[in-house]
Amino acid sequence: TLMIAPRQHPATACPYAPRCPHAQ
């Protein structure tokens, strides 16, 4: 979880997905 998530992400997506080890 060291990667910093970008501030811009789709409004319909989970905001934590870019950092999440369980993202699908």
PDB file of all heavy atoms in Angstrom:
ATOM      1  N   THR A   1       0.806  -1.213   0.000  1.00  0.00           N
ATOM      2  CA  THR A   1       0.000   0.000   0.000  1.00  0.00           C
ATOM      3  C   THR A   1       0.841   1.266   0.000  1.00  0.00           C
ATOM      4  O   THR A   1       0.362   2.324   0.389  1.00  0.00           O
ATOM      5  CB  THR A   1      -0.931   0.012   1.223  1.00  0.00           C
ATOM      6  OG1 THR A   1      -0.128  -0.105   2.401  1.00  0.00           O
ATOM      7  CG2 THR A   1      -1.916  -1.139   1.172  1.00  0.00           C
ATOM      8  N   LEU A   2       2.069   1.195  -0.444  1.00  0.00           N
ATOM      9  CA  LEU A   2       2.913   2.382  -0.463  1.00  0.00           C
ATOM     10  C   LEU A   2       2.582   3.318  -1.616  1.00  0.00           C
ATOM     11  O   LEU A   2       2.842   4.500  -1.545  1.00  0.00           O
ATOM     12  CB  LEU A   2       4.386   1.969  -0.549  1.00  0.00           C
ATOM     13  CG  LEU A   2       5.016   1.502   0.768  1.00  0.00           C
ATOM     14  CD1 LEU A   2       6.434   1.035   0.517  1.00  0.00           C
ATOM     15  CD2 LEU A   2       5.003   2.618   1.792  1.00  0.00           C
ATOM     16  N   MET A   3       2.007   2.807  -2.709  1.00  0.00           N
ATOM     17  CA  MET A   3       1.721   3.641  -3.860  1.00  0.00           C
ATOM     18  C   MET A   3       0.667   4.686  -3.520  1.00  0.00           C
ATOM     19  O   MET A   3      -0.359   4.372  -2.914  1.00  0.00           O
ATOM     20  CB  MET A   3       1.225   2.781  -5.028  1.00  0.00           C
ATOM     21  CG  MET A   3       0.947   3.574  -6.288  1.00  0.00           C
ATOM     22  SD  MET A   3       0.389   2.530  -7.640  1.00  0.00           S
ATOM     23  CE  MET A   3      -1.162   1.941  -7.004  1.00  0.00           C
ATOM     24  N   ILE A   4       0.930   5.932  -3.887  1.00  0.00           N
ATOM     25  CA  ILE A   4      -0.022   7.013  -3.633  1.00  0.00           C
ATOM     26  C   ILE A   4      -1.057   7.041  -4.748  1.00  0.00           C
ATOM     27  O   ILE A   4      -0.716   7.084  -5.932  1.00  0.00           O
ATOM     28  CB  ILE A   4       0.696   8.370  -3.549  1.00  0.00           C
ATOM     29  CG1 ILE A   4       1.751   8.311  -2.440  1.00  0.00           C
ATOM     30  CG2 ILE A   4      -0.293   9.492  -3.301  1.00  0.00           C
ATOM     31  CD1 ILE A   4       1.208   8.019  -1.076  1.00  0.00           C
ATOM     32  N   ALA A   5      -2.317   7.047  -4.356  1.00  0.00           N
ATOM     33  CA  ALA A   5      -3.383   7.039  -5.354  1.00  0.00           C
ATOM     34  C   ALA A   5      -3.500   8.397  -6.016  1.00  0.00           C
ATOM     35  O   ALA A   5      -3.353   9.433  -5.360  1.00  0.00           O
ATOM     36  CB  ALA A   5      -4.708   6.679  -4.687  1.00  0.00           C
ATOM     37  N   PRO A   6      -3.767   8.460  -7.310  1.00  0.00           N
ATOM     38  CA  PRO A   6      -3.978   9.740  -7.962  1.00  0.00           C
ATOM     39  C   PRO A   6      -5.260  10.390  -7.479  1.00  0.00           C
ATOM     40  O   PRO A   6      -6.230   9.706  -7.147  1.00  0.00           O
ATOM     41  CB  PRO A   6      -4.070   9.364  -9.452  1.00  0.00           C
ATOM     42  CG  PRO A   6      -4.501   7.934  -9.448  1.00  0.00           C
ATOM     43  CD  PRO A   6      -3.891   7.325  -8.224  1.00  0.00           C
ATOM     44  N   ARG A   7      -5.260  11.722  -7.434  1.00  0.00           N
ATOM     45  CA  ARG A   7      -6.452  12.431  -6.980  1.00  0.00           C
ATOM     46  C   ARG A   7      -7.591  12.328  -7.981  1.00  0.00           C
ATOM     47  O   ARG A   7      -8.746  12.380  -7.619  1.00  0.00           O
ATOM     48  CB  ARG A   7      -6.113  13.912  -6.748  1.00  0.00           C
ATOM     49  CG  ARG A   7      -5.162  14.159  -5.626  1.00  0.00           C
ATOM     50  CD  ARG A   7      -5.736  13.761  -4.291  1.00  0.00           C
ATOM     51  NE  ARG A   7      -6.900  14.566  -3.943  1.00  0.00           N
ATOM     52  CZ  ARG A   7      -7.585  14.419  -2.825  1.00  0.00           C
ATOM     53  NH1 ARG A   7      -7.239  13.482  -1.968  1.00  0.00           N
ATOM     54  NH2 ARG A   7      -8.623  15.180  -2.561  1.00  0.00           N
ATOM     55  N   GLN A   8      -7.257  12.215  -9.267  1.00  0.00           N
ATOM     56  CA  GLN A   8      -8.292  12.116 -10.281  1.00  0.00           C
ATOM     57  C   GLN A   8      -8.633  10.637 -10.513  1.00  0.00           C
ATOM     58  O   GLN A   8      -7.773   9.827 -10.813  1.00  0.00           O
ATOM     59  CB  GLN A   8      -7.804  12.754 -11.593  1.00  0.00           C
ATOM     60  CG  GLN A   8      -7.506  14.245 -11.481  1.00  0.00           C
ATOM     61  CD  GLN A   8      -8.743  15.049 -11.138  1.00  0.00           C
ATOM     62  OE1 GLN A   8      -9.842  14.707 -11.555  1.00  0.00           O
ATOM     63  NE2 GLN A   8      -8.566  16.119 -10.379  1.00  0.00           N
ATOM     64  N   HIS A   9      -9.894  10.291 -10.356  1.00  0.00           N
ATOM     65  CA  HIS A   9     -10.353   8.943 -10.625  1.00  0.00           C
ATOM     66  C   HIS A   9     -11.814   9.018 -11.031  1.00  0.00           C
ATOM     67  O   HIS A   9     -12.503   9.978 -10.702  1.00  0.00           O
ATOM     68  CB  HIS A   9     -10.175   8.052  -9.398  1.00  0.00           C
ATOM     69  CG  HIS A   9     -10.894   8.558  -8.188  1.00  0.00           C
ATOM     70  ND1 HIS A   9     -10.336   9.458  -7.325  1.00  0.00           N
ATOM     71  CD2 HIS A   9     -12.142   8.313  -7.714  1.00  0.00           C
ATOM     72  CE1 HIS A   9     -11.186   9.752  -6.358  1.00  0.00           C
ATOM     73  NE2 HIS A   9     -12.301   9.059  -6.581  1.00  0.00           N
ATOM     74  N   PRO A  10     -12.327   8.031 -11.741  1.00  0.00           N
ATOM     75  CA  PRO A  10     -13.722   8.075 -12.159  1.00  0.00           C
ATOM     76  C   PRO A  10     -14.659   8.206 -10.967  1.00  0.00           C
ATOM     77  O   PRO A  10     -14.453   7.551  -9.934  1.00  0.00           O
ATOM     78  CB  PRO A  10     -13.907   6.740 -12.889  1.00  0.00           C
ATOM     79  CG  PRO A  10     -12.532   6.335 -13.297  1.00  0.00           C
ATOM     80  CD  PRO A  10     -11.613   6.860 -12.246  1.00  0.00           C
ATOM     81  N   ALA A  11     -15.671   9.050 -11.105  1.00  0.00           N
ATOM     82  CA  ALA A  11     -16.600   9.265  -9.999  1.00  0.00           C
ATOM     83  C   ALA A  11     -17.350   7.995  -9.636  1.00  0.00           C
ATOM     84  O   ALA A  11     -17.827   7.846  -8.514  1.00  0.00           O
ATOM     85  CB  ALA A  11     -17.580  10.383 -10.357  1.00  0.00           C
ATOM     86  N   THR A  12     -17.472   7.075 -10.595  1.00  0.00           N
ATOM     87  CA  THR A  12     -18.209   5.846 -10.337  1.00  0.00           C
ATOM     88  C   THR A  12     -17.344   4.752  -9.727  1.00  0.00           C
ATOM     89  O   THR A  12     -17.840   3.683  -9.390  1.00  0.00           O
ATOM     90  CB  THR A  12     -18.816   5.323 -11.651  1.00  0.00           C
ATOM     91  OG1 THR A  12     -17.756   5.127 -12.604  1.00  0.00           O
ATOM     92  CG2 THR A  12     -19.818   6.319 -12.214  1.00  0.00           C
ATOM     93  N   ALA A  13     -16.045   4.979  -9.606  1.00  0.00           N
ATOM     94  CA  ALA A  13     -15.130   3.941  -9.134  1.00  0.00           C
ATOM     95  C   ALA A  13     -14.865   4.096  -7.645  1.00  0.00           C
ATOM     96  O   ALA A  13     -15.138   5.131  -7.036  1.00  0.00           O
ATOM     97  CB  ALA A  13     -13.811   4.011  -9.899  1.00  0.00           C
ATOM     98  N   CYS A  14     -14.315   3.045  -7.064  1.00  0.00           N
ATOM     99  CA  CYS A  14     -13.871   3.100  -5.672  1.00  0.00           C
ATOM    100  C   CYS A  14     -12.619   3.959  -5.606  1.00  0.00           C
ATOM    101  O   CYS A  14     -11.634   3.681  -6.309  1.00  0.00           O
ATOM    102  CB  CYS A  14     -13.577   1.697  -5.160  1.00  0.00           C
ATOM    103  SG  CYS A  14     -12.822   1.674  -3.519  1.00  0.00           S
ATOM    104  N   PRO A  15     -12.579   4.992  -4.774  1.00  0.00           N
ATOM    105  CA  PRO A  15     -11.411   5.881  -4.742  1.00  0.00           C
ATOM    106  C   PRO A  15     -10.155   5.199  -4.217  1.00  0.00           C
ATOM    107  O   PRO A  15      -9.045   5.648  -4.493  1.00  0.00           O
ATOM    108  CB  PRO A  15     -11.849   7.017  -3.816  1.00  0.00           C
ATOM    109  CG  PRO A  15     -12.937   6.430  -2.975  1.00  0.00           C
ATOM    110  CD  PRO A  15     -13.638   5.432  -3.850  1.00  0.00           C
ATOM    111  N   TYR A  16     -10.318   4.114  -3.476  1.00  0.00           N
ATOM    112  CA  TYR A  16      -9.155   3.441  -2.904  1.00  0.00           C
ATOM    113  C   TYR A  16      -8.602   2.347  -3.819  1.00  0.00           C
ATOM    114  O   TYR A  16      -7.550   1.770  -3.538  1.00  0.00           O
ATOM    115  CB  TYR A  16      -9.519   2.841  -1.540  1.00  0.00           C
ATOM    116  CG  TYR A  16      -8.332   2.352  -0.757  1.00  0.00           C
ATOM    117  CD1 TYR A  16      -7.345   3.236  -0.330  1.00  0.00           C
ATOM    118  CD2 TYR A  16      -8.179   1.003  -0.450  1.00  0.00           C
ATOM    119  CE1 TYR A  16      -6.241   2.789   0.383  1.00  0.00           C
ATOM    120  CE2 TYR A  16      -7.080   0.550   0.258  1.00  0.00           C
ATOM    121  CZ  TYR A  16      -6.109   1.450   0.672  1.00  0.00           C
ATOM    122  OH  TYR A  16      -5.012   1.013   1.378  1.00  0.00           O
ATOM    123  N   ALA A  17      -9.268   2.080  -4.923  1.00  0.00           N
ATOM    124  CA  ALA A  17      -8.878   0.968  -5.798  1.00  0.00           C
ATOM    125  C   ALA A  17      -7.417   1.017  -6.245  1.00  0.00           C
ATOM    126  O   ALA A  17      -6.746  -0.022  -6.267  1.00  0.00           O
ATOM    127  CB  ALA A  17      -9.811   0.906  -7.003  1.00  0.00           C
ATOM    128  N   PRO A  18      -6.845   2.208  -6.624  1.00  0.00           N
ATOM    129  CA  PRO A  18      -5.443   2.214  -7.072  1.00  0.00           C
ATOM    130  C   PRO A  18      -4.441   1.773  -6.003  1.00  0.00           C
ATOM    131  O   PRO A  18      -3.318   1.408  -6.327  1.00  0.00           O
ATOM    132  CB  PRO A  18      -5.211   3.673  -7.475  1.00  0.00           C
ATOM    133  CG  PRO A  18      -6.567   4.221  -7.760  1.00  0.00           C
ATOM    134  CD  PRO A  18      -7.471   3.527  -6.790  1.00  0.00           C
ATOM    135  N   ARG A  19      -4.830   1.816  -4.729  1.00  0.00           N
ATOM    136  CA  ARG A  19      -3.917   1.432  -3.645  1.00  0.00           C
ATOM    137  C   ARG A  19      -4.273   0.098  -3.016  1.00  0.00           C
ATOM    138  O   ARG A  19      -3.529  -0.412  -2.183  1.00  0.00           O
ATOM    139  CB  ARG A  19      -3.937   2.509  -2.559  1.00  0.00           C
ATOM    140  CG  ARG A  19      -3.463   3.859  -3.008  1.00  0.00           C
ATOM    141  CD  ARG A  19      -3.674   4.922  -1.927  1.00  0.00           C
ATOM    142  NE  ARG A  19      -2.891   4.691  -0.730  1.00  0.00           N
ATOM    143  CZ  ARG A  19      -2.884   5.513   0.316  1.00  0.00           C
ATOM    144  NH1 ARG A  19      -3.624   6.606   0.285  1.00  0.00           N
ATOM    145  NH2 ARG A  19      -2.150   5.252   1.377  1.00  0.00           N
ATOM    146  N   CYS A  20      -5.402  -0.465  -3.379  1.00  0.00           N
ATOM    147  CA  CYS A  20      -5.938  -1.603  -2.652  1.00  0.00           C
ATOM    148  C   CYS A  20      -5.339  -2.922  -3.145  1.00  0.00           C
ATOM    149  O   CYS A  20      -5.339  -3.196  -4.349  1.00  0.00           O
ATOM    150  CB  CYS A  20      -7.455  -1.644  -2.806  1.00  0.00           C
ATOM    151  SG  CYS A  20      -8.233  -2.981  -1.862  1.00  0.00           S
ATOM    152  N   PRO A  21      -4.858  -3.772  -2.238  1.00  0.00           N
ATOM    153  CA  PRO A  21      -4.313  -5.071  -2.653  1.00  0.00           C
ATOM    154  C   PRO A  21      -5.390  -6.058  -3.080  1.00  0.00           C
ATOM    155  O   PRO A  21      -5.085  -7.096  -3.668  1.00  0.00           O
ATOM    156  CB  PRO A  21      -3.582  -5.560  -1.400  1.00  0.00           C
ATOM    157  CG  PRO A  21      -4.285  -4.891  -0.266  1.00  0.00           C
ATOM    158  CD  PRO A  21      -4.706  -3.543  -0.783  1.00  0.00           C
ATOM    159  N   HIS A  22      -6.673  -5.740  -2.782  1.00  0.00           N
ATOM    160  CA  HIS A  22      -7.767  -6.650  -3.122  1.00  0.00           C
ATOM    161  C   HIS A  22      -8.617  -6.136  -4.280  1.00  0.00           C
ATOM    162  O   HIS A  22      -9.669  -6.707  -4.563  1.00  0.00           O
ATOM    163  CB  HIS A  22      -8.678  -6.859  -1.900  1.00  0.00           C
ATOM    164  CG  HIS A  22      -7.954  -7.293  -0.671  1.00  0.00           C
ATOM    165  ND1 HIS A  22      -7.153  -8.415  -0.634  1.00  0.00           N
ATOM    166  CD2 HIS A  22      -7.896  -6.751   0.575  1.00  0.00           C
ATOM    167  CE1 HIS A  22      -6.639  -8.551   0.590  1.00  0.00           C
ATOM    168  NE2 HIS A  22      -7.072  -7.550   1.337  1.00  0.00           N
ATOM    169  N   ALA A  23      -8.197  -5.061  -4.946  1.00  0.00           N
ATOM    170  CA  ALA A  23      -9.016  -4.454  -5.996  1.00  0.00           C
ATOM    171  C   ALA A  23      -9.239  -5.425  -7.150  1.00  0.00           C
ATOM    172  O   ALA A  23      -8.339  -6.155  -7.564  1.00  0.00           O
ATOM    173  CB  ALA A  23      -8.359  -3.174  -6.496  1.00  0.00           C
ATOM    174  N   GLN A  24     -10.483  -5.383  -7.679  1.00  0.00           N
ATOM    175  CA  GLN A  24     -10.842  -6.187  -8.832  1.00  0.00           C
ATOM    176  C   GLN A  24     -11.591  -5.305  -9.827  1.00  0.00           C
ATOM    177  O   GLN A  24     -11.768  -4.095  -9.602  1.00  0.00           O
ATOM    178  CB  GLN A  24     -11.677  -7.392  -8.401  1.00  0.00           C
ATOM    179  CG  GLN A  24     -10.943  -8.303  -7.415  1.00  0.00           C
ATOM    180  CD  GLN A  24     -11.715  -9.547  -7.071  1.00  0.00           C
ATOM    181  OE1 GLN A  24     -12.465 -10.070  -7.908  1.00  0.00           O
ATOM    182  NE2 GLN A  24     -11.545 -10.045  -5.849  1.00  0.00           N
TER     183      GLN A  24
END
